Amino acid sequence: MNQQMANAYKNQQILTSTPEQLTLLLYNGALRFMTESILAMEQGDTQKSHNANMRVQDIVREFMHTLDMSYELSKTWAQLYEYIEHCLIQGNMKKDVAQLQQAKGMLLELRDTWVEAMKQTHVARAVGK
């Protein structure tokens, strides 16, 4: 019953979120799966690490596909996502925790940048700009 309630809450959160909030949810999910992948690899559970890694790769690819490439900034973000994906693949294939840590650090920075942008946009909207 508790899992059903948690799933219902998650579904409601997704359905009522703005696009900005959905992006934040994806970043947080990627970071959660990244942590899971690293821990599983450190514990020798390569299958669990692989499965979590693939979920992160799916999220990163989704970010790449949804970039609006008419903006110069999007090209920079695309390169960052491509590098993160490279680290994820290499970390997964070579069982290299350092590569996974590199990807996690970059995702954390991008997520924090996104949070700051959300705050600034919220303030700008509040003052009518």
Protein backbone atom coordinates (compact mmCIF):
# COMPACT_ATOMS: atom_id res chain seq x y z
CA MET A 1 0.00 0.00 0.00
CA ASN A 2 2.79 2.46 0.83
CA GLN A 3 4.43 1.85 -2.57
CA GLN A 4 1.11 2.55 -4.30
CA MET A 5 0.77 5.81 -2.41
CA ALA A 6 4.34 6.78 -3.28
CA ASN A 7 3.71 6.03 -6.96
CA ALA A 8 0.46 8.00 -6.91
CA TYR A 9 2.28 10.95 -5.33
CA LYS A 10 5.05 10.73 -7.94
CA ASN A 11 2.54 10.61 -10.79
CA GLN A 12 0.67 13.61 -9.39
CA GLN A 13 3.95 15.51 -9.00
CA ILE A 14 4.83 14.85 -12.63
CA LEU A 15 1.38 15.78 -13.93
CA THR A 16 1.30 19.09 -12.06
CA SER A 17 4.92 20.16 -12.67
CA THR A 18 6.04 22.93 -14.99
CA PRO A 19 8.56 22.04 -17.72
CA GLU A 20 11.27 23.62 -15.55
CA GLN A 21 10.29 21.48 -12.58
CA LEU A 22 10.20 18.34 -14.77
CA THR A 23 13.76 19.06 -15.87
CA LEU A 24 14.78 19.35 -12.23
CA LEU A 25 13.05 16.05 -11.45
CA LEU A 26 15.04 14.43 -14.27
CA TYR A 27 18.31 15.84 -12.95
CA ASN A 28 17.51 14.57 -9.47
CA GLY A 29 16.58 11.17 -10.86
CA ALA A 30 19.81 10.98 -12.85
CA LEU A 31 21.81 11.83 -9.75
CA ARG A 32 19.95 9.22 -7.70
CA PHE A 33 20.62 6.52 -10.31
CA MET A 34 24.23 7.71 -10.60
CA THR A 35 24.73 7.23 -6.87
CA GLU A 36 23.08 3.81 -7.09
CA SER A 37 25.37 2.82 -9.99
CA ILE A 38 28.52 3.91 -8.17
CA LEU A 39 27.56 2.17 -4.92
CA ALA A 40 26.65 -1.04 -6.72
CA MET A 41 29.95 -1.03 -8.62
CA GLU A 42 31.90 -0.44 -5.43
CA GLN A 43 30.05 -3.40 -3.88
CA GLY A 44 30.82 -5.61 -6.88
CA ASP A 45 27.22 -5.79 -8.13
CA THR A 46 27.98 -5.06 -11.78
CA GLN A 47 24.48 -5.89 -13.04
CA LYS A 48 22.80 -3.46 -10.64
CA SER A 49 25.43 -0.84 -11.51
CA HIS A 50 24.83 -1.41 -15.22
CA ASN A 51 21.04 -1.13 -14.86
CA ALA A 52 21.28 2.17 -12.94
CA ASN A 53 23.90 3.46 -15.40
CA MET A 54 21.56 2.75 -18.32
CA ARG A 55 18.80 4.78 -16.62
CA VAL A 56 21.19 7.73 -16.31
CA GLN A 57 22.19 7.34 -19.96
CA ASP A 58 18.51 7.43 -20.95
CA ILE A 59 17.99 10.68 -19.02
CA VAL A 60 21.12 12.29 -20.48
CA ARG A 61 20.02 11.32 -24.02
CA GLU A 62 16.60 12.82 -23.30
CA PHE A 63 18.31 16.07 -22.28
CA MET A 64 20.31 16.03 -25.54
CA HIS A 65 17.22 15.40 -27.69
CA THR A 66 15.22 18.20 -26.10
CA LEU A 67 17.81 20.97 -26.47
CA ASP A 68 16.73 23.88 -28.66
CA MET A 69 19.80 24.13 -30.89
CA SER A 70 18.82 27.60 -32.14
CA TYR A 71 20.50 28.95 -28.99
CA GLU A 72 24.29 29.12 -28.79
CA LEU A 73 24.17 28.00 -25.16
CA SER A 74 22.43 24.78 -26.20
CA LYS A 75 25.49 23.79 -28.23
CA THR A 76 27.64 24.07 -25.11
CA TRP A 77 25.16 22.05 -23.06
CA ALA A 78 25.05 19.42 -25.84
CA GLN A 79 28.83 19.05 -25.61
CA LEU A 80 28.62 18.67 -21.83
CA TYR A 81 25.90 16.02 -22.15
CA GLU A 82 27.96 14.18 -24.79
CA TYR A 83 30.95 14.14 -22.45
CA ILE A 84 28.79 12.91 -19.56
CA GLU A 85 27.43 10.16 -21.79
CA HIS A 86 31.01 9.24 -22.76
CA CYS A 87 31.98 8.97 -19.07
CA LEU A 88 28.91 6.85 -18.36
CA ILE A 89 29.68 4.45 -21.20
CA GLN A 90 33.37 4.19 -20.35
CA GLY A 91 32.65 3.78 -16.65
CA ASN A 92 30.14 1.05 -17.41
CA MET A 93 32.34 -0.84 -19.88
CA LYS A 94 35.58 -0.56 -17.91
CA LYS A 95 33.97 -0.82 -14.47
CA ASP A 96 35.68 2.50 -13.68
CA VAL A 97 34.20 4.30 -10.68
CA ALA A 98 36.32 7.40 -11.43
CA GLN A 99 34.51 7.85 -14.77
CA LEU A 100 31.17 7.52 -13.02
CA GLN A 101 32.24 10.04 -10.35
CA GLN A 102 33.24 12.45 -13.15
CA ALA A 103 29.80 12.10 -14.76
CA LYS A 104 28.08 12.55 -11.39
CA GLY A 105 30.06 15.71 -10.62
CA MET A 106 29.13 17.24 -13.95
CA LEU A 107 25.46 16.32 -13.56
CA LEU A 108 25.49 17.87 -10.10
CA GLU A 109 26.92 21.12 -11.48
CA LEU A 110 24.38 21.22 -14.31
CA ARG A 111 21.55 20.53 -11.87
CA ASP A 112 22.74 23.30 -9.54
CA THR A 113 23.00 25.70 -12.50
CA TRP A 114 19.46 24.75 -13.50
CA VAL A 115 18.20 25.45 -9.96
CA GLU A 116 19.85 28.89 -10.03
CA ALA A 117 18.30 29.65 -13.43
CA MET A 118 14.89 28.62 -12.07
CA LYS A 119 15.33 30.96 -9.09
CA GLN A 120 16.36 33.89 -11.30
CA THR A 121 13.46 33.28 -13.69
CA HIS A 122 11.05 33.11 -10.75
CA VAL A 123 12.36 36.42 -9.37
CA ALA A 124 12.17 38.05 -12.81
CA ARG A 125 8.56 36.91 -13.23
CA ALA A 126 7.70 38.17 -9.73
CA VAL A 127 8.96 41.66 -10.52
CA GLY A 128 7.31 41.65 -13.95
CA LYS A 129 10.34 41.50 -16.22
